[in-house]
Amino acid sequence: MAGMIRRARAADTSSDDPLTPEAHHEHHDHPRQQHRPRPDPGPARRVAGADAMGLAFAASRTLHVLAVLGAVALMFQPRANAFFS
């Protein structure tokens, strides 16, 4: 179905079709620009721009992940099996 739509759009070259790029850019009255994604600011700038609540949330999530990884490592110890039997 999508292929049929693409072929139909390619066959129709009229400029009054609102789906053509030419009509779209005539409507907006601006030159065609390249839209590039912004570069990632990096972790140092993100931390520098964070507020107190954001830093507290990040710290709590970090501690939680470390606690879960520690629990996963400790649950395979023989002492853990002896504790629950």
Protein backbone atom coordinates (compact mmCIF):
# COMPACT_ATOMS: atom_id res chain seq x y z
CA MET A 1 0.00 0.00 0.00
CA ALA A 2 2.79 2.44 0.90
CA GLY A 3 4.55 1.66 -2.39
CA MET A 4 1.41 2.54 -4.32
CA ILE A 5 1.18 5.89 -2.53
CA ARG A 6 4.85 6.65 -3.24
CA ARG A 7 4.41 5.83 -6.93
CA ALA A 8 1.28 7.97 -7.12
CA ARG A 9 3.07 10.91 -5.52
CA ALA A 10 6.05 10.49 -7.83
CA ALA A 11 3.78 10.42 -10.90
CA ASP A 12 1.90 13.56 -9.85
CA THR A 13 4.17 16.56 -10.38
CA SER A 14 1.56 19.29 -10.00
CA SER A 15 2.57 22.11 -7.67
CA ASP A 16 -0.98 22.58 -6.33
CA ASP A 17 -0.75 19.27 -4.44
CA PRO A 18 -0.28 20.20 -0.74
CA LEU A 19 1.87 17.10 -0.18
CA THR A 20 4.66 18.08 -2.59
CA PRO A 21 7.82 19.59 -1.08
CA GLU A 22 7.58 22.60 -3.39
CA ALA A 23 4.08 23.50 -2.21
CA HIS A 24 5.11 22.93 1.39
CA HIS A 25 8.03 25.34 1.15
CA GLU A 26 6.04 27.93 -0.78
CA HIS A 27 3.49 27.87 2.01
CA HIS A 28 6.08 28.54 4.72
CA ASP A 29 7.92 31.26 2.77
CA HIS A 30 11.40 30.29 3.93
CA PRO A 31 14.35 28.75 2.15
CA ARG A 32 14.96 25.05 2.45
CA GLN A 33 17.21 24.45 5.46
CA GLN A 34 19.12 21.40 6.54
CA HIS A 35 17.75 20.20 9.88
CA ARG A 36 20.64 18.74 11.81
CA PRO A 37 20.27 17.23 15.28
CA ARG A 38 21.91 19.19 18.03
CA PRO A 39 25.09 17.66 19.40
CA ASP A 40 24.89 16.07 22.82
CA PRO A 41 26.11 18.58 25.43
CA GLY A 42 27.87 15.84 27.39
CA PRO A 43 27.50 14.72 30.98
CA ALA A 44 29.56 17.56 32.48
CA ARG A 45 27.27 20.25 31.07
CA ARG A 46 24.17 18.29 32.01
CA VAL A 47 25.34 18.01 35.62
CA ALA A 48 26.37 21.68 35.71
CA GLY A 49 22.93 22.69 34.44
CA ALA A 50 20.97 20.43 36.80
CA ASP A 51 19.01 21.77 39.74
CA ALA A 52 19.04 20.33 43.27
CA MET A 53 16.01 18.10 42.68
CA GLY A 54 17.54 16.64 39.53
CA LEU A 55 20.80 15.89 41.32
CA ALA A 56 18.94 14.29 44.25
CA PHE A 57 16.96 12.12 41.83
CA ALA A 58 20.11 11.07 39.96
CA ALA A 59 21.85 10.20 43.23
CA SER A 60 18.88 8.13 44.44
CA ARG A 61 18.69 6.24 41.14
CA THR A 62 22.43 5.54 41.22
CA LEU A 63 22.23 4.23 44.79
CA HIS A 64 19.23 2.08 43.90
CA VAL A 65 20.99 0.49 40.90
CA LEU A 66 24.08 -0.22 43.02
CA ALA A 67 21.89 -1.78 45.74
CA VAL A 68 20.15 -4.04 43.22
CA LEU A 69 23.44 -5.14 41.66
CA GLY A 70 24.83 -5.84 45.15
CA ALA A 71 21.74 -7.88 46.05
CA VAL A 72 22.04 -9.91 42.86
CA ALA A 73 25.67 -10.69 43.68
CA LEU A 74 24.90 -11.58 47.31
CA MET A 75 21.88 -13.79 46.66
CA PHE A 76 24.09 -16.48 45.13
CA GLN A 77 26.19 -16.79 48.29
CA PRO A 78 25.76 -20.04 50.29
CA ARG A 79 25.10 -17.98 53.41
CA ALA A 80 21.96 -16.52 51.78
CA ASN A 81 20.60 -20.02 51.13
CA ALA A 82 21.32 -21.01 54.73
CA PHE A 83 19.59 -17.88 56.02
CA PHE A 84 16.27 -18.78 54.39
CA SER A 85 16.24 -22.47 55.34
